[in-house]
Amino acid sequence: MSSRFERVSSETEYDGAFFSVRRDVYRHEDGEDAEREIVSHTGAVGIVALDGDRLWFVRQPREAIGAPDLLEIPAGSPVLTGLTITVTLSPGLMMFDFQPALTR
């Protein structure tokens, strides 16, 4: 069963370079309040790099899980500029532009 609700408060708990966390309280039409922790992310892009029948990965240190060289697909943060999306992958790996199929 759905109900109408309104946000009655919002407080930023963490505001970092790549994501932020806020705590919102919503009041439903029956008077009950619901507290939610909301994560907002700047966005990311993952690329499946195929070369014929080869799939390419990059080795990345992932300190948070204790992995000095985790294999993963190339990934980075997109920047939308007009209709060109620029993807910058891990420092020193590569950078490229492409034209997405977008319309305004």
N, C-alpha and C. Protein backbone atom coordinates (compact mmCIF):
# COMPACT_ATOMS: atom_id res chain seq x y z
N MET A 1 0.84 -1.18 0.00
CA MET A 1 0.00 0.00 0.00
C MET A 1 0.88 1.24 0.00
N SER A 2 0.61 2.16 -0.88
CA SER A 2 1.40 3.39 -0.94
C SER A 2 0.71 4.48 -0.13
N SER A 3 1.50 5.49 0.22
CA SER A 3 0.93 6.63 0.90
C SER A 3 1.67 7.87 0.46
N ARG A 4 1.01 9.01 0.60
CA ARG A 4 1.67 10.27 0.27
C ARG A 4 2.58 10.64 1.44
N PHE A 5 3.64 11.37 1.13
CA PHE A 5 4.59 11.76 2.17
C PHE A 5 5.25 13.07 1.77
N GLU A 6 5.86 13.70 2.76
CA GLU A 6 6.64 14.91 2.51
C GLU A 6 7.91 14.85 3.33
N ARG A 7 8.99 15.42 2.79
CA ARG A 7 10.24 15.49 3.54
C ARG A 7 10.11 16.63 4.54
N VAL A 8 10.32 16.33 5.82
CA VAL A 8 10.18 17.34 6.87
C VAL A 8 11.53 17.82 7.39
N SER A 9 12.59 17.06 7.13
CA SER A 9 13.92 17.52 7.51
C SER A 9 14.97 16.78 6.69
N SER A 10 16.13 17.43 6.59
CA SER A 10 17.25 16.84 5.86
C SER A 10 18.53 17.36 6.48
N GLU A 11 19.47 16.46 6.76
CA GLU A 11 20.73 16.87 7.37
C GLU A 11 21.87 16.12 6.68
N THR A 12 22.88 16.85 6.22
CA THR A 12 24.04 16.23 5.59
C THR A 12 24.91 15.62 6.68
N GLU A 13 25.17 14.33 6.55
CA GLU A 13 26.01 13.61 7.50
C GLU A 13 27.46 13.58 7.05
N TYR A 14 27.66 13.50 5.72
CA TYR A 14 29.00 13.44 5.14
C TYR A 14 28.95 14.05 3.75
N ASP A 15 29.95 14.86 3.41
CA ASP A 15 30.01 15.48 2.09
C ASP A 15 31.44 15.33 1.58
N GLY A 16 31.67 14.32 0.75
CA GLY A 16 33.00 14.04 0.24
C GLY A 16 33.14 14.40 -1.22
N ALA A 17 34.30 14.08 -1.78
CA ALA A 17 34.59 14.41 -3.17
C ALA A 17 33.76 13.58 -4.15
N PHE A 18 33.47 12.32 -3.81
CA PHE A 18 32.78 11.43 -4.74
C PHE A 18 31.35 11.08 -4.34
N PHE A 19 31.03 11.22 -3.08
CA PHE A 19 29.67 10.94 -2.64
C PHE A 19 29.36 11.72 -1.38
N SER A 20 28.06 11.82 -1.09
CA SER A 20 27.62 12.45 0.15
C SER A 20 26.52 11.59 0.76
N VAL A 21 26.34 11.76 2.05
CA VAL A 21 25.31 11.02 2.78
C VAL A 21 24.47 12.03 3.54
N ARG A 22 23.16 11.91 3.40
CA ARG A 22 22.28 12.78 4.17
C ARG A 22 21.22 11.92 4.85
N ARG A 23 20.70 12.47 5.93
CA ARG A 23 19.64 11.80 6.69
C ARG A 23 18.37 12.63 6.53
N ASP A 24 17.37 12.03 5.91
CA ASP A 24 16.09 12.71 5.69
C ASP A 24 15.01 12.08 6.55
N VAL A 25 14.07 12.88 6.97
CA VAL A 25 12.88 12.39 7.67
C VAL A 25 11.67 12.73 6.81
N TYR A 26 10.85 11.72 6.56
CA TYR A 26 9.64 11.88 5.74
C TYR A 26 8.42 11.62 6.61
N ARG A 27 7.41 12.46 6.47
CA ARG A 27 6.17 12.28 7.20
C ARG A 27 5.11 11.76 6.22
N HIS A 28 4.55 10.61 6.59
CA HIS A 28 3.51 10.00 5.76
C HIS A 28 2.14 10.54 6.16
N GLU A 29 1.15 10.31 5.29
CA GLU A 29 -0.18 10.89 5.51
C GLU A 29 -0.85 10.37 6.77
N ASP A 30 -0.38 9.22 7.30
CA ASP A 30 -0.95 8.72 8.55
C ASP A 30 -0.28 9.32 9.78
N GLY A 31 0.69 10.24 9.54
CA GLY A 31 1.37 10.91 10.65
C GLY A 31 2.67 10.24 11.08
N GLU A 32 2.93 9.05 10.58
CA GLU A 32 4.17 8.35 10.94
C GLU A 32 5.36 8.97 10.22
N ASP A 33 6.49 9.05 10.93
CA ASP A 33 7.73 9.53 10.35
C ASP A 33 8.61 8.35 9.98
N ALA A 34 9.32 8.50 8.86
CA ALA A 34 10.28 7.48 8.42
C ALA A 34 11.62 8.18 8.18
N GLU A 35 12.67 7.65 8.79
CA GLU A 35 14.00 8.22 8.63
C GLU A 35 14.77 7.39 7.60
N ARG A 36 15.43 8.07 6.67
CA ARG A 36 16.17 7.38 5.62
C ARG A 36 17.55 8.00 5.48
N GLU A 37 18.55 7.15 5.27
CA GLU A 37 19.90 7.60 4.96
C GLU A 37 20.07 7.48 3.45
N ILE A 38 20.42 8.58 2.80
CA ILE A 38 20.46 8.64 1.34
C ILE A 38 21.89 8.94 0.90
N VAL A 39 22.42 8.11 0.01
CA VAL A 39 23.75 8.28 -0.55
C VAL A 39 23.60 8.87 -1.95
N SER A 40 24.25 9.99 -2.19
CA SER A 40 24.29 10.60 -3.52
C SER A 40 25.70 10.46 -4.07
N HIS A 41 25.81 9.95 -5.29
CA HIS A 41 27.11 9.69 -5.91
C HIS A 41 27.25 10.56 -7.14
N THR A 42 28.47 11.01 -7.44
CA THR A 42 28.70 11.89 -8.58
C THR A 42 28.53 11.17 -9.91
N GLY A 43 28.51 9.85 -9.91
CA GLY A 43 28.36 9.08 -11.14
C GLY A 43 29.65 8.36 -11.50
N ALA A 44 29.54 7.30 -12.25
CA ALA A 44 30.70 6.52 -12.66
C ALA A 44 30.38 5.79 -13.96
N VAL A 45 31.43 5.42 -14.64
CA VAL A 45 31.31 4.69 -15.88
C VAL A 45 32.23 3.49 -15.82
N GLY A 46 31.74 2.35 -16.24
CA GLY A 46 32.56 1.15 -16.39
C GLY A 46 32.58 0.79 -17.87
N ILE A 47 33.74 0.34 -18.35
CA ILE A 47 33.89 0.04 -19.76
C ILE A 47 34.29 -1.42 -19.92
N VAL A 48 33.56 -2.15 -20.75
CA VAL A 48 33.94 -3.51 -21.10
C VAL A 48 34.79 -3.40 -22.35
N ALA A 49 36.11 -3.59 -22.18
CA ALA A 49 37.06 -3.43 -23.29
C ALA A 49 37.33 -4.78 -23.92
N LEU A 50 36.79 -4.98 -25.13
CA LEU A 50 36.98 -6.23 -25.88
C LEU A 50 37.92 -5.99 -27.03
N ASP A 51 38.86 -6.90 -27.20
CA ASP A 51 39.80 -6.87 -28.32
C ASP A 51 39.72 -8.25 -28.98
N GLY A 52 38.82 -8.37 -29.95
CA GLY A 52 38.59 -9.69 -30.54
C GLY A 52 37.94 -10.58 -29.50
N ASP A 53 38.64 -11.62 -29.11
CA ASP A 53 38.11 -12.53 -28.08
C ASP A 53 38.77 -12.32 -26.73
N ARG A 54 39.50 -11.19 -26.57
CA ARG A 54 40.16 -10.88 -25.29
C ARG A 54 39.39 -9.80 -24.55
N LEU A 55 39.25 -9.98 -23.26
CA LEU A 55 38.62 -8.99 -22.38
C LEU A 55 39.72 -8.36 -21.54
N TRP A 56 39.80 -7.03 -21.55
CA TRP A 56 40.87 -6.33 -20.86
C TRP A 56 40.42 -5.87 -19.47
N PHE A 57 41.30 -6.03 -18.50
CA PHE A 57 41.09 -5.58 -17.13
C PHE A 57 42.24 -4.67 -16.74
N VAL A 58 42.07 -3.95 -15.65
CA VAL A 58 43.16 -3.17 -15.06
C VAL A 58 43.37 -3.66 -13.64
N ARG A 59 44.60 -3.51 -13.16
CA ARG A 59 44.91 -3.85 -11.77
C ARG A 59 44.84 -2.56 -10.95
N GLN A 60 44.05 -2.60 -9.89
CA GLN A 60 43.87 -1.42 -9.05
C GLN A 60 44.08 -1.81 -7.60
N PRO A 61 44.81 -0.98 -6.84
CA PRO A 61 44.88 -1.22 -5.40
C PRO A 61 43.55 -0.84 -4.77
N ARG A 62 43.00 -1.69 -3.96
CA ARG A 62 41.76 -1.41 -3.23
C ARG A 62 42.04 -1.56 -1.74
N GLU A 63 42.57 -0.47 -1.18
CA GLU A 63 43.02 -0.48 0.22
C GLU A 63 41.91 -0.84 1.18
N ALA A 64 40.69 -0.42 0.89
CA ALA A 64 39.58 -0.65 1.82
C ALA A 64 39.31 -2.13 2.06
N ILE A 65 39.66 -2.98 1.08
CA ILE A 65 39.45 -4.43 1.27
C ILE A 65 40.77 -5.19 1.35
N GLY A 66 41.88 -4.45 1.44
CA GLY A 66 43.18 -5.08 1.60
C GLY A 66 43.71 -5.74 0.34
N ALA A 67 43.26 -5.32 -0.83
CA ALA A 67 43.70 -5.93 -2.09
C ALA A 67 44.71 -5.00 -2.78
N PRO A 68 45.98 -5.44 -2.92
CA PRO A 68 46.97 -4.58 -3.55
C PRO A 68 46.83 -4.51 -5.07
N ASP A 69 46.16 -5.48 -5.68
CA ASP A 69 46.08 -5.49 -7.15
C ASP A 69 44.84 -6.24 -7.63
N LEU A 70 43.68 -5.70 -7.30
CA LEU A 70 42.42 -6.30 -7.71
C LEU A 70 42.20 -6.09 -9.20
N LEU A 71 41.82 -7.16 -9.92
CA LEU A 71 41.49 -7.05 -11.34
C LEU A 71 40.06 -6.55 -11.48
N GLU A 72 39.87 -5.54 -12.33
CA GLU A 72 38.52 -5.00 -12.55
C GLU A 72 38.45 -4.37 -13.93
N ILE A 73 37.23 -4.12 -14.39
CA ILE A 73 37.08 -3.44 -15.67
C ILE A 73 37.51 -1.99 -15.51
N PRO A 74 38.02 -1.35 -16.58
CA PRO A 74 38.37 0.06 -16.48
C PRO A 74 37.14 0.88 -16.09
N ALA A 75 37.31 1.81 -15.19
CA ALA A 75 36.18 2.62 -14.72
C ALA A 75 36.68 4.00 -14.36
N GLY A 76 35.75 4.93 -14.38
CA GLY A 76 36.10 6.30 -14.03
C GLY A 76 34.87 7.15 -13.88
N SER A 77 35.08 8.46 -13.78
CA SER A 77 33.99 9.42 -13.59
C SER A 77 33.72 10.17 -14.88
N PRO A 78 32.48 10.19 -15.34
CA PRO A 78 32.16 10.92 -16.56
C PRO A 78 31.92 12.40 -16.29
N VAL A 79 32.24 13.21 -17.26
CA VAL A 79 31.93 14.65 -17.20
C VAL A 79 31.14 14.96 -18.47
N LEU A 80 29.90 15.41 -18.32
CA LEU A 80 29.05 15.71 -19.47
C LEU A 80 29.29 17.15 -19.91
N THR A 81 29.77 17.32 -21.14
CA THR A 81 30.02 18.66 -21.70
C THR A 81 29.35 18.71 -23.06
N GLY A 82 28.20 19.33 -23.13
CA GLY A 82 27.43 19.36 -24.37
C GLY A 82 26.97 17.95 -24.68
N LEU A 83 27.30 17.47 -25.85
CA LEU A 83 26.95 16.09 -26.20
C LEU A 83 28.16 15.18 -26.18
N THR A 84 29.30 15.68 -25.69
CA THR A 84 30.50 14.85 -25.59
C THR A 84 30.67 14.40 -24.16
N ILE A 85 30.85 13.12 -23.95
CA ILE A 85 31.15 12.62 -22.61
C ILE A 85 32.64 12.31 -22.57
N THR A 86 33.35 12.93 -21.64
CA THR A 86 34.76 12.67 -21.45
C THR A 86 34.90 11.72 -20.27
N VAL A 87 35.57 10.62 -20.48
CA VAL A 87 35.77 9.65 -19.42
C VAL A 87 37.25 9.63 -19.08
N THR A 88 37.57 9.91 -17.84
CA THR A 88 38.95 9.86 -17.39
C THR A 88 39.09 8.62 -16.51
N LEU A 89 39.92 7.70 -16.94
CA LEU A 89 40.14 6.49 -16.17
C LEU A 89 41.25 6.73 -15.16
N SER A 90 41.58 5.72 -14.41
CA SER A 90 42.57 5.84 -13.35
C SER A 90 43.81 6.58 -13.85
N PRO A 91 44.44 7.37 -12.99
CA PRO A 91 45.58 8.20 -13.41
C PRO A 91 46.62 7.38 -14.18
N GLY A 92 47.02 7.92 -15.32
CA GLY A 92 48.04 7.27 -16.12
C GLY A 92 47.53 6.15 -17.01
N LEU A 93 46.26 5.78 -16.90
CA LEU A 93 45.77 4.66 -17.70
C LEU A 93 45.35 5.13 -19.09
N MET A 94 44.31 5.93 -19.19
CA MET A 94 43.89 6.46 -20.48
C MET A 94 42.81 7.51 -20.29
N MET A 95 42.60 8.29 -21.34
CA MET A 95 41.52 9.26 -21.35
C MET A 95 41.00 9.32 -22.78
N PHE A 96 39.69 9.38 -22.95
CA PHE A 96 39.12 9.44 -24.29
C PHE A 96 37.79 10.15 -24.26
N ASP A 97 37.35 10.57 -25.45
CA ASP A 97 36.05 11.21 -25.63
C ASP A 97 35.21 10.36 -26.56
N PHE A 98 33.91 10.43 -26.43
CA PHE A 98 33.04 9.82 -27.42
C PHE A 98 31.73 10.59 -27.48
N GLN A 99 31.03 10.44 -28.59
CA GLN A 99 29.74 11.11 -28.79
C GLN A 99 28.62 10.13 -28.47
N PRO A 100 27.90 10.34 -27.39
CA PRO A 100 26.78 9.44 -27.07
C PRO A 100 25.58 9.73 -27.95
N ALA A 101 24.67 8.78 -28.01
CA ALA A 101 23.43 8.95 -28.78
C ALA A 101 22.40 9.65 -27.92
N LEU A 102 22.60 10.95 -27.71
CA LEU A 102 21.68 11.76 -26.91
C LEU A 102 21.03 12.81 -27.78
N THR A 103 19.82 13.18 -27.42
CA THR A 103 19.17 14.30 -28.09
C THR A 103 18.73 15.28 -27.04
N ARG A 104 18.60 16.52 -27.41
CA ARG A 104 18.16 17.55 -26.45
C ARG A 104 16.74 17.93 -26.74
